[in-house]
Amino acid sequence: MKYEIASLNMGKPSTYLFGDKEVHTGIIKTPTNEPCVLKYDGFTLDGQADLKNHGGKEKALLLYSANHYPYWENTYHRTFTYPSFGENITIDTLTEKDVYIGDVFQLGTAIIQVSQPRQPCYKIAAYQQLKDLPARVTLTGFSGVYFRVLQEGVVSNTDVLEKIEEAKHKITSYDIFNCLFHDKANIERMKVYIHIDSLSENVKRTFQKRIMKQS
């Protein structure tokens, strides 16, 4: 299965004025036609300001589906250009419901693996000046997907994203997101999810804490 890259996007953290508030963030990225080096902790031309909640080896690359853009444009009656959600890769067709945690993909000469869903961030709301945007992301599950890097390489916007290994458990990024935000008391689901080797450790800890509270 191969998927076209709609946009390859990079951006270093800086301080911006969103409305009347200064925010230091790496969410503002711009499309690039240049080949980009992807390391284990992310693209060398990219960066994050909040390293507690973004970036790192488990969240080295953020992918967002181009399929979601028409929904946002219809909802807010305005244009959203790539990459309005701070993603590194805007991808055609592929969504959160189409990837399993642990799926492995070839991207240029790099090899990447699905690690977790992206969780809604207030900086998206600040950037777009839409206060209810994180709530709508939570409602829809149009969150984006994080990847870890298994093999470093070079990526260009003319490459394709190709699935080369599919996870056996068939638990999607959307499933994990749904449990995190909509099915928070479902202990049985969480007990299954904490045993997915390829699920990021921070999400496992969230589930483990919830299990402990209800035990």
Protein backbone atom coordinates (compact mmCIF):
# COMPACT_ATOMS: atom_id res chain seq x y z
CA MET A 1 0.00 0.00 0.00
CA LYS A 2 1.45 3.32 -1.13
CA TYR A 3 0.30 6.82 -0.25
CA GLU A 4 1.19 10.11 -1.92
CA ILE A 5 2.76 12.93 0.08
CA ALA A 6 0.61 16.04 -0.33
CA SER A 7 3.13 18.23 1.52
CA LEU A 8 6.46 17.84 3.34
CA ASN A 9 6.67 20.46 6.08
CA MET A 10 9.46 21.80 8.29
CA GLY A 11 9.80 24.51 10.95
CA LYS A 12 12.05 25.44 13.86
CA PRO A 13 10.59 26.77 17.13
CA SER A 14 10.15 30.52 17.40
CA THR A 15 8.04 33.03 19.31
CA TYR A 16 4.87 34.21 17.57
CA LEU A 17 2.08 36.61 18.41
CA PHE A 18 -1.24 34.75 18.22
CA GLY A 19 -3.95 37.32 18.80
CA ASP A 20 -2.67 39.25 21.82
CA LYS A 21 -0.60 36.39 23.26
CA GLU A 22 3.04 35.50 22.63
CA VAL A 23 3.60 31.75 22.18
CA HIS A 24 6.91 29.96 21.74
CA THR A 25 6.19 27.01 19.48
CA GLY A 26 7.31 24.87 16.57
CA ILE A 27 3.77 24.38 15.26
CA ILE A 28 4.26 26.80 12.36
CA LYS A 29 5.84 24.85 9.53
CA THR A 30 6.13 25.54 5.82
CA PRO A 31 6.14 23.19 2.84
CA THR A 32 9.53 22.38 1.36
CA ASN A 33 10.72 20.89 -1.92
CA GLU A 34 14.16 20.13 -0.50
CA PRO A 35 15.26 16.64 0.61
CA CYS A 36 15.15 16.43 4.41
CA VAL A 37 17.25 14.26 6.70
CA LEU A 38 15.18 12.23 9.18
CA LYS A 39 17.05 11.19 12.33
CA TYR A 40 15.85 9.07 15.26
CA ASP A 41 14.64 12.18 17.09
CA GLY A 42 13.06 13.88 14.06
CA PHE A 43 13.92 15.91 10.98
CA THR A 44 17.08 17.99 11.22
CA LEU A 45 15.25 20.96 9.66
CA ASP A 46 12.40 20.69 12.16
CA GLY A 47 11.97 21.14 15.90
CA GLN A 48 9.58 21.45 18.85
CA ALA A 49 9.46 24.01 21.65
CA ASP A 50 7.65 21.86 24.23
CA LEU A 51 9.81 18.75 24.43
CA LYS A 52 7.76 17.33 27.30
CA ASN A 53 4.68 16.88 25.11
CA HIS A 54 6.10 16.90 21.59
CA GLY A 55 9.04 15.43 19.76
CA GLY A 56 11.53 12.86 21.03
CA LYS A 57 12.10 9.37 19.72
CA GLU A 58 8.50 8.18 20.26
CA LYS A 59 7.08 11.25 18.50
CA ALA A 60 9.76 11.93 15.91
CA LEU A 61 7.42 12.59 13.01
CA LEU A 62 3.82 13.82 12.85
CA LEU A 63 1.56 12.79 9.99
CA TYR A 64 -1.83 14.37 9.23
CA SER A 65 -4.36 13.32 6.63
CA ALA A 66 -5.20 15.66 3.76
CA ASN A 67 -8.63 13.98 3.83
CA HIS A 68 -9.51 15.95 6.97
CA TYR A 69 -8.93 19.38 5.46
CA PRO A 70 -12.33 19.62 3.67
CA TYR A 71 -14.07 18.90 6.99
CA TRP A 72 -12.26 21.75 8.73
CA GLU A 73 -12.94 24.13 5.84
CA ASN A 74 -16.64 23.26 5.84
CA THR A 75 -16.84 23.54 9.62
CA TYR A 76 -15.17 26.92 9.95
CA HIS A 77 -15.98 28.34 6.49
CA ARG A 78 -12.39 29.31 5.81
CA THR A 79 -9.36 27.99 3.97
CA PHE A 80 -6.86 25.73 5.73
CA THR A 81 -3.57 25.44 3.86
CA TYR A 82 -1.02 22.67 4.42
CA PRO A 83 0.26 22.28 7.14
CA SER A 84 -2.41 23.93 9.31
CA PHE A 85 -2.02 21.31 12.06
CA GLY A 86 1.73 21.45 12.52
CA GLU A 87 2.32 18.17 10.73
CA ASN A 88 5.59 17.14 9.08
CA ILE A 89 3.80 15.04 6.47
CA THR A 90 0.43 15.89 4.99
CA ILE A 91 -0.63 12.60 3.43
CA ASP A 92 -3.29 11.73 0.86
CA THR A 93 -5.99 9.17 1.72
CA LEU A 94 -4.45 7.65 4.87
CA THR A 95 -6.24 8.46 8.17
CA GLU A 96 -6.04 7.48 11.85
CA LYS A 97 -8.48 4.63 11.20
CA ASP A 98 -6.23 3.18 8.50
CA VAL A 99 -3.04 2.62 10.51
CA TYR A 100 -2.41 0.10 13.26
CA ILE A 101 -0.10 0.83 16.16
CA GLY A 102 3.16 -0.84 15.15
CA ASP A 103 2.67 -0.65 11.39
CA VAL A 104 6.00 -0.12 9.64
CA PHE A 105 6.38 2.15 6.61
CA GLN A 106 9.12 3.07 4.14
CA LEU A 107 9.40 6.85 3.74
CA GLY A 108 12.13 7.83 1.30
CA THR A 109 15.19 5.94 2.55
CA ALA A 110 13.90 6.00 6.15
CA ILE A 111 11.87 3.33 7.95
CA ILE A 112 9.23 4.55 10.39
CA GLN A 113 6.71 2.92 12.75
CA VAL A 114 3.32 4.08 14.09
CA SER A 115 3.73 4.78 17.83
CA GLN A 116 0.63 6.68 19.02
CA PRO A 117 -2.09 9.18 18.13
CA ARG A 118 -1.37 12.87 18.49
CA GLN A 119 -3.22 14.40 21.42
CA PRO A 120 -5.02 17.77 21.01
CA CYS A 121 -2.90 20.80 21.90
CA TYR A 122 -3.98 24.31 22.86
CA LYS A 123 -1.34 25.72 20.51
CA ILE A 124 -3.40 24.59 17.51
CA ALA A 125 -6.24 26.75 18.83
CA ALA A 126 -3.89 29.67 19.43
CA TYR A 127 -2.28 29.34 15.99
CA GLN A 128 -5.60 29.14 14.15
CA GLN A 129 -7.37 31.55 16.56
CA LEU A 130 -10.16 28.99 17.02
CA LYS A 131 -10.83 28.33 20.70
CA ASP A 132 -12.95 25.25 20.13
CA LEU A 133 -10.57 23.56 17.70
CA PRO A 134 -8.98 21.14 20.24
CA ALA A 135 -12.48 20.12 21.37
CA ARG A 136 -13.48 19.42 17.77
CA VAL A 137 -10.28 17.43 17.20
CA THR A 138 -11.19 15.38 20.27
CA LEU A 139 -14.75 14.90 19.05
CA THR A 140 -13.79 13.80 15.54
CA GLY A 141 -10.57 11.92 16.30
CA PHE A 142 -8.91 13.85 13.45
CA SER A 143 -5.81 14.05 15.58
CA GLY A 144 -2.87 13.00 13.45
CA VAL A 145 -0.47 10.12 14.01
CA TYR A 146 3.02 10.03 15.52
CA PHE A 147 5.83 7.77 14.29
CA ARG A 148 9.13 6.62 15.69
CA VAL A 149 12.12 6.19 13.37
CA LEU A 150 13.51 2.67 12.97
CA GLN A 151 16.04 3.57 10.29
CA GLU A 152 17.32 7.08 9.59
CA GLY A 153 17.18 8.36 6.05
CA VAL A 154 16.34 11.14 3.61
CA VAL A 155 12.81 12.16 2.67
CA SER A 156 11.56 14.36 -0.17
CA ASN A 157 8.07 15.51 -1.13
CA THR A 158 8.16 13.32 -4.24
CA ASP A 159 8.53 10.15 -2.18
CA VAL A 160 5.63 7.89 -1.25
CA LEU A 161 4.72 6.41 2.10
CA GLU A 162 4.66 2.62 1.67
CA LYS A 163 3.49 0.11 4.26
CA ILE A 164 6.03 -2.71 4.45
CA GLU A 165 4.90 -4.49 7.62
CA GLU A 166 1.45 -4.63 9.20
CA ALA A 167 0.84 -5.08 12.94
CA LYS A 168 -0.90 -8.33 13.83
CA HIS A 169 -3.19 -6.98 16.57
CA LYS A 170 -5.19 -4.64 14.28
CA ILE A 171 -5.58 -1.86 16.86
CA THR A 172 -5.65 1.48 15.12
CA SER A 173 -4.35 4.87 16.16
CA TYR A 174 -8.01 5.94 16.27
CA ASP A 175 -8.81 3.09 18.70
CA ILE A 176 -6.15 4.34 21.11
CA PHE A 177 -7.36 7.94 20.75
CA ASN A 178 -10.94 6.87 21.39
CA CYS A 179 -9.95 5.08 24.59
CA LEU A 180 -7.85 8.03 25.77
CA PHE A 181 -10.64 10.58 25.33
CA HIS A 182 -14.03 8.88 24.96
CA ASP A 183 -13.91 5.48 26.65
CA LYS A 184 -11.80 6.43 29.66
CA ALA A 185 -13.34 3.90 32.06
CA ASN A 186 -12.96 0.85 29.84
CA ILE A 187 -10.39 -1.06 31.86
CA GLU A 188 -10.59 -4.15 29.68
CA ARG A 189 -9.53 -2.19 26.60
CA MET A 190 -6.68 -0.56 28.48
CA LYS A 191 -5.45 -3.90 29.80
CA VAL A 192 -5.11 -5.06 26.21
CA TYR A 193 -3.49 -1.86 25.00
CA ILE A 194 -0.71 -1.75 27.62
CA HIS A 195 0.64 -5.00 26.19
CA ILE A 196 1.14 -3.62 22.69
CA ASP A 197 4.92 -3.51 22.45
CA SER A 198 4.97 -0.75 19.83
CA LEU A 199 2.61 1.61 21.68
CA SER A 200 4.56 4.55 23.11
CA GLU A 201 5.45 4.35 26.79
CA ASN A 202 3.77 7.63 27.73
CA VAL A 203 0.39 6.37 26.49
CA LYS A 204 0.90 3.07 28.30
CA ARG A 205 1.59 4.99 31.53
CA THR A 206 -1.67 6.90 31.11
CA PHE A 207 -3.59 3.66 30.76
CA GLN A 208 -1.72 2.02 33.64
CA LYS A 209 -2.57 4.94 35.96
CA ARG A 210 -6.25 4.65 35.08
CA ILE A 211 -6.19 0.91 35.69
CA MET A 212 -4.59 1.42 39.09
CA LYS A 213 -7.17 4.04 40.12
CA GLN A 214 -10.03 1.67 39.34
CA SER A 215 -8.45 -1.44 40.87
